[in-house]
């Protein structure tokens, strides 16, 4: 009688299945005391999205995943209408840190498409996926984590934008 061998455990695949559906985002105006951007990570639960513990969020960002990424600008028109300008891309089997060059390209694309005076903040949101890149059931997932649209936030973003432009010119 032959025994069937079980397939060995694959830690990376298990991690990818577990993390599929989580969301990570940051806004350029959201910086800590050291000037580093604050990243937010939320996991999908049966009751909606819940904040991830810091160590688990760090593992998510350092791990190799398939990513659906959206660079987004949240804007406020003079008549107080909120709108978004977005640019998407999808990559397979990459770490989140591999996107910095692509982010800057898409950042310029998004800013070229909007009236810069309407921009309150700009940033990215990403979601790992497992298997095929199917459209998320929430087609407006890029709106997640928008926060309050205040004049203070707009001023912080404008200062941050000037700093980023200076860095790009210097490079």
C-alpha atoms as a PDB file:
ATOM      1  CA  UNK A   1       0.000   0.000   0.000  1.00  0.00           C
ATOM      2  CA  UNK A   2       1.413   3.354  -1.013  1.00  0.00           C
ATOM      3  CA  UNK A   3       1.243   6.361   1.196  1.00  0.00           C
ATOM      4  CA  UNK A   4       0.484   9.743  -0.245  1.00  0.00           C
ATOM      5  CA  UNK A   5       2.999  12.381   0.618  1.00  0.00           C
ATOM      6  CA  UNK A   6       1.649  15.738   1.581  1.00  0.00           C
ATOM      7  CA  UNK A   7       3.008  18.762  -0.071  1.00  0.00           C
ATOM      8  CA  UNK A   8       5.414  20.649   2.181  1.00  0.00           C
ATOM      9  CA  UNK A   9       4.387  23.843   3.922  1.00  0.00           C
ATOM     10  CA  UNK A  10       5.258  27.008   2.008  1.00  0.00           C
ATOM     11  CA  UNK A  11       5.599  29.907   4.423  1.00  0.00           C
ATOM     12  CA  UNK A  12       5.577  32.575   1.687  1.00  0.00           C
ATOM     13  CA  UNK A  13       2.347  31.293   0.087  1.00  0.00           C
ATOM     14  CA  UNK A  14       0.646  31.104   3.471  1.00  0.00           C
ATOM     15  CA  UNK A  15       1.667  34.672   4.206  1.00  0.00           C
ATOM     16  CA  UNK A  16       0.364  35.830   0.823  1.00  0.00           C
ATOM     17  CA  UNK A  17      -3.025  34.196   1.393  1.00  0.00           C
ATOM     18  CA  UNK A  18      -3.259  35.616   4.904  1.00  0.00           C
ATOM     19  CA  UNK A  19      -2.334  39.145   3.854  1.00  0.00           C
ATOM     20  CA  UNK A  20      -4.498  39.249   0.714  1.00  0.00           C
ATOM     21  CA  UNK A  21      -7.025  42.023   1.135  1.00  0.00           C
ATOM     22  CA  UNK A  22      -5.029  44.046   3.672  1.00  0.00           C
ATOM     23  CA  UNK A  23      -4.567  47.725   2.875  1.00  0.00           C
ATOM     24  CA  UNK A  24      -1.561  49.952   3.424  1.00  0.00           C
ATOM     25  CA  UNK A  25      -1.515  53.665   2.713  1.00  0.00           C
ATOM     26  CA  UNK A  26       0.288  56.871   3.417  1.00  0.00           C
ATOM     27  CA  UNK A  27      -0.231  60.554   2.707  1.00  0.00           C
ATOM     28  CA  UNK A  28       2.560  63.012   2.011  1.00  0.00           C
ATOM     29  CA  UNK A  29       1.259  65.480   4.612  1.00  0.00           C
ATOM     30  CA  UNK A  30       1.240  62.760   7.269  1.00  0.00           C
ATOM     31  CA  UNK A  31       4.721  62.809   8.782  1.00  0.00           C
ATOM     32  CA  UNK A  32       6.025  62.118  12.270  1.00  0.00           C
ATOM     33  CA  UNK A  33       8.393  64.281  14.343  1.00  0.00           C
ATOM     34  CA  UNK A  34      11.409  62.937  12.438  1.00  0.00           C
ATOM     35  CA  UNK A  35       9.917  63.847   9.058  1.00  0.00           C
ATOM     36  CA  UNK A  36       9.205  60.224   8.102  1.00  0.00           C
ATOM     37  CA  UNK A  37       5.921  59.402   6.428  1.00  0.00           C
ATOM     38  CA  UNK A  38       3.400  57.599   8.596  1.00  0.00           C
ATOM     39  CA  UNK A  39       2.145  54.375   7.010  1.00  0.00           C
ATOM     40  CA  UNK A  40      -1.223  52.954   8.024  1.00  0.00           C
ATOM     41  CA  UNK A  41      -1.974  49.239   7.671  1.00  0.00           C
ATOM     42  CA  UNK A  42      -5.377  47.642   8.076  1.00  0.00           C
ATOM     43  CA  UNK A  43      -6.356  43.989   7.805  1.00  0.00           C
ATOM     44  CA  UNK A  44      -9.641  42.673   6.470  1.00  0.00           C
ATOM     45  CA  UNK A  45     -11.699  40.996   9.194  1.00  0.00           C
ATOM     46  CA  UNK A  46     -15.206  39.536   9.168  1.00  0.00           C
ATOM     47  CA  UNK A  47     -16.372  42.855  10.656  1.00  0.00           C
ATOM     48  CA  UNK A  48     -14.633  45.184   8.200  1.00  0.00           C
ATOM     49  CA  UNK A  49     -11.112  46.570   8.350  1.00  0.00           C
ATOM     50  CA  UNK A  50      -9.173  46.784  11.606  1.00  0.00           C
ATOM     51  CA  UNK A  51      -5.743  48.307  12.344  1.00  0.00           C
ATOM     52  CA  UNK A  52      -2.851  45.855  12.071  1.00  0.00           C
ATOM     53  CA  UNK A  53      -0.361  45.527  14.901  1.00  0.00           C
ATOM     54  CA  UNK A  54       2.863  47.358  14.068  1.00  0.00           C
ATOM     55  CA  UNK A  55       4.982  44.182  13.779  1.00  0.00           C
ATOM     56  CA  UNK A  56       2.494  42.513  11.431  1.00  0.00           C
ATOM     57  CA  UNK A  57       2.261  45.657   9.298  1.00  0.00           C
ATOM     58  CA  UNK A  58       6.059  45.744   9.062  1.00  0.00           C
ATOM     59  CA  UNK A  59       6.104  42.106   7.896  1.00  0.00           C
ATOM     60  CA  UNK A  60       3.476  42.909   5.286  1.00  0.00           C
ATOM     61  CA  UNK A  61       5.520  45.786   3.870  1.00  0.00           C
ATOM     62  CA  UNK A  62       8.772  43.801   3.887  1.00  0.00           C
ATOM     63  CA  UNK A  63       7.258  40.658   2.399  1.00  0.00           C
ATOM     64  CA  UNK A  64       7.057  39.675  -1.243  1.00  0.00           C
ATOM     65  CA  UNK A  65       3.495  39.969  -2.535  1.00  0.00           C
ATOM     66  CA  UNK A  66       1.426  40.703  -5.599  1.00  0.00           C
ATOM     67  CA  UNK A  67       0.398  44.347  -5.221  1.00  0.00           C
ATOM     68  CA  UNK A  68      -2.384  46.516  -6.611  1.00  0.00           C
ATOM     69  CA  UNK A  69      -1.192  50.096  -6.087  1.00  0.00           C
ATOM     70  CA  UNK A  70      -2.999  53.394  -6.518  1.00  0.00           C
ATOM     71  CA  UNK A  71      -1.307  56.789  -6.414  1.00  0.00           C
ATOM     72  CA  UNK A  72      -4.040  59.239  -5.468  1.00  0.00           C
ATOM     73  CA  UNK A  73      -4.598  62.930  -4.989  1.00  0.00           C
ATOM     74  CA  UNK A  74      -7.543  64.018  -2.866  1.00  0.00           C
ATOM     75  CA  UNK A  75      -8.815  67.374  -4.046  1.00  0.00           C
ATOM     76  CA  UNK A  76     -11.317  69.927  -2.865  1.00  0.00           C
ATOM     77  CA  UNK A  77     -12.866  72.207  -5.464  1.00  0.00           C
ATOM     78  CA  UNK A  78     -13.786  75.844  -4.651  1.00  0.00           C
ATOM     79  CA  UNK A  79     -17.423  74.757  -4.207  1.00  0.00           C
ATOM     80  CA  UNK A  80     -16.337  72.177  -1.553  1.00  0.00           C
ATOM     81  CA  UNK A  81     -16.768  69.116  -3.775  1.00  0.00           C
ATOM     82  CA  UNK A  82     -14.293  66.321  -3.000  1.00  0.00           C
ATOM     83  CA  UNK A  83     -12.792  64.456  -5.925  1.00  0.00           C
ATOM     84  CA  UNK A  84      -9.862  62.133  -6.564  1.00  0.00           C
ATOM     85  CA  UNK A  85      -7.345  61.805  -9.345  1.00  0.00           C
ATOM     86  CA  UNK A  86      -5.757  58.363  -9.496  1.00  0.00           C
ATOM     87  CA  UNK A  87      -3.188  56.283 -11.342  1.00  0.00           C
ATOM     88  CA  UNK A  88      -2.949  52.498 -10.897  1.00  0.00           C
ATOM     89  CA  UNK A  89      -0.393  49.807 -11.463  1.00  0.00           C
ATOM     90  CA  UNK A  90      -0.060  46.149 -10.549  1.00  0.00           C
ATOM     91  CA  UNK A  91       3.117  44.217  -9.857  1.00  0.00           C
ATOM     92  CA  UNK A  92       3.776  40.607  -8.981  1.00  0.00           C
ATOM     93  CA  UNK A  93       6.174  39.160  -6.441  1.00  0.00           C
ATOM     94  CA  UNK A  94       7.733  42.411  -5.251  1.00  0.00           C
ATOM     95  CA  UNK A  95       8.477  44.130  -1.974  1.00  0.00           C
ATOM     96  CA  UNK A  96       6.699  47.395  -1.288  1.00  0.00           C
ATOM     97  CA  UNK A  97      10.022  49.249  -1.149  1.00  0.00           C
ATOM     98  CA  UNK A  98      10.586  48.510  -4.869  1.00  0.00           C
ATOM     99  CA  UNK A  99       7.988  51.123  -5.896  1.00  0.00           C
ATOM    100  CA  UNK A 100       9.749  54.388  -5.106  1.00  0.00           C
ATOM    101  CA  UNK A 101      10.729  55.214  -8.706  1.00  0.00           C
ATOM    102  CA  UNK A 102       7.339  54.199 -10.066  1.00  0.00           C
ATOM    103  CA  UNK A 103       5.640  56.242  -7.350  1.00  0.00           C
ATOM    104  CA  UNK A 104       7.460  59.411  -8.416  1.00  0.00           C
ATOM    105  CA  UNK A 105       6.493  58.858 -12.085  1.00  0.00           C
ATOM    106  CA  UNK A 106       2.830  58.289 -11.227  1.00  0.00           C
ATOM    107  CA  UNK A 107       2.905  61.179  -8.767  1.00  0.00           C
ATOM    108  CA  UNK A 108       3.812  63.525 -11.615  1.00  0.00           C
ATOM    109  CA  UNK A 109       1.118  61.985 -13.809  1.00  0.00           C
ATOM    110  CA  UNK A 110      -1.539  62.540 -11.143  1.00  0.00           C
ATOM    111  CA  UNK A 111      -0.441  66.115 -10.444  1.00  0.00           C
ATOM    112  CA  UNK A 112      -0.447  66.939 -14.177  1.00  0.00           C
ATOM    113  CA  UNK A 113      -4.099  65.880 -14.350  1.00  0.00           C
ATOM    114  CA  UNK A 114      -5.396  68.154 -11.575  1.00  0.00           C
ATOM    115  CA  UNK A 115      -5.526  71.822 -10.704  1.00  0.00           C
ATOM    116  CA  UNK A 116      -2.702  71.983  -8.164  1.00  0.00           C
ATOM    117  CA  UNK A 117      -4.612  74.567  -6.093  1.00  0.00           C
ATOM    118  CA  UNK A 118      -7.344  71.965  -5.471  1.00  0.00           C
ATOM    119  CA  UNK A 119      -4.987  69.320  -4.051  1.00  0.00           C
ATOM    120  CA  UNK A 120      -5.352  68.774  -0.316  1.00  0.00           C
ATOM    121  CA  UNK A 121      -2.977  65.806  -0.124  1.00  0.00           C
ATOM    122  CA  UNK A 122      -1.339  63.168  -2.275  1.00  0.00           C
ATOM    123  CA  UNK A 123      -0.239  59.655  -1.425  1.00  0.00           C
ATOM    124  CA  UNK A 124      -0.614  56.007  -2.233  1.00  0.00           C
ATOM    125  CA  UNK A 125      -2.695  53.057  -1.159  1.00  0.00           C
ATOM    126  CA  UNK A 126      -1.920  49.456  -1.962  1.00  0.00           C
ATOM    127  CA  UNK A 127      -3.513  46.109  -1.475  1.00  0.00           C
ATOM    128  CA  UNK A 128      -1.800  42.729  -1.810  1.00  0.00           C
ATOM    129  CA  UNK A 129      -3.700  40.040  -3.652  1.00  0.00           C
ATOM    130  CA  UNK A 130      -3.379  36.294  -4.002  1.00  0.00           C
ATOM    131  CA  UNK A 131      -3.863  34.531  -7.327  1.00  0.00           C
ATOM    132  CA  UNK A 132      -5.427  36.515 -10.122  1.00  0.00           C
ATOM    133  CA  UNK A 133      -5.708  40.291 -10.002  1.00  0.00           C
ATOM    134  CA  UNK A 134      -9.464  40.573  -9.936  1.00  0.00           C
ATOM    135  CA  UNK A 135     -11.206  43.859  -9.388  1.00  0.00           C
ATOM    136  CA  UNK A 136     -11.865  44.515  -5.735  1.00  0.00           C
ATOM    137  CA  UNK A 137     -15.508  44.192  -4.733  1.00  0.00           C
ATOM    138  CA  UNK A 138     -15.239  47.784  -3.521  1.00  0.00           C
ATOM    139  CA  UNK A 139     -14.479  49.614  -6.758  1.00  0.00           C
ATOM    140  CA  UNK A 140     -13.710  52.820  -4.862  1.00  0.00           C
ATOM    141  CA  UNK A 141     -11.151  51.255  -2.536  1.00  0.00           C
ATOM    142  CA  UNK A 142      -8.737  54.083  -3.304  1.00  0.00           C
ATOM    143  CA  UNK A 143     -10.912  56.393  -1.143  1.00  0.00           C
ATOM    144  CA  UNK A 144     -10.104  54.392   1.987  1.00  0.00           C
ATOM    145  CA  UNK A 145      -8.248  56.288   4.725  1.00  0.00           C
ATOM    146  CA  UNK A 146      -8.870  59.758   3.327  1.00  0.00           C
ATOM    147  CA  UNK A 147      -9.234  61.481   6.687  1.00  0.00           C
ATOM    148  CA  UNK A 148     -10.232  65.108   7.274  1.00  0.00           C
ATOM    149  CA  UNK A 149      -9.696  67.597   4.459  1.00  0.00           C
ATOM    150  CA  UNK A 150      -8.518  70.692   6.293  1.00  0.00           C
ATOM    151  CA  UNK A 151      -6.696  73.828   5.257  1.00  0.00           C
ATOM    152  CA  UNK A 152      -3.884  72.894   7.653  1.00  0.00           C
ATOM    153  CA  UNK A 153      -3.436  69.583   5.826  1.00  0.00           C
ATOM    154  CA  UNK A 154      -3.392  71.402   2.471  1.00  0.00           C
ATOM    155  CA  UNK A 155      -0.655  73.737   3.745  1.00  0.00           C
ATOM    156  CA  UNK A 156       1.390  70.801   5.089  1.00  0.00           C
ATOM    157  CA  UNK A 157       1.112  69.055   1.723  1.00  0.00           C
ATOM    158  CA  UNK A 158       2.133  72.182  -0.197  1.00  0.00           C
ATOM    159  CA  UNK A 159       5.258  72.500   1.953  1.00  0.00           C
ATOM    160  CA  UNK A 160       6.015  68.799   1.516  1.00  0.00           C
ATOM    161  CA  UNK A 161       5.455  69.102  -2.246  1.00  0.00           C
ATOM    162  CA  UNK A 162       7.969  71.977  -2.443  1.00  0.00           C
ATOM    163  CA  UNK A 163      10.508  69.866  -0.521  1.00  0.00           C
ATOM    164  CA  UNK A 164       9.989  66.907  -2.884  1.00  0.00           C
ATOM    165  CA  UNK A 165      10.381  69.121  -5.946  1.00  0.00           C
ATOM    166  CA  UNK A 166      13.639  70.544  -4.539  1.00  0.00           C
ATOM    167  CA  UNK A 167      14.956  66.992  -3.981  1.00  0.00           C
ATOM    168  CA  UNK A 168      14.049  66.003  -7.542  1.00  0.00           C
ATOM    169  CA  UNK A 169      15.747  69.074  -9.014  1.00  0.00           C
ATOM    170  CA  UNK A 170      18.882  68.466  -6.927  1.00  0.00           C
ATOM    171  CA  UNK A 171      19.176  64.840  -8.092  1.00  0.00           C
END
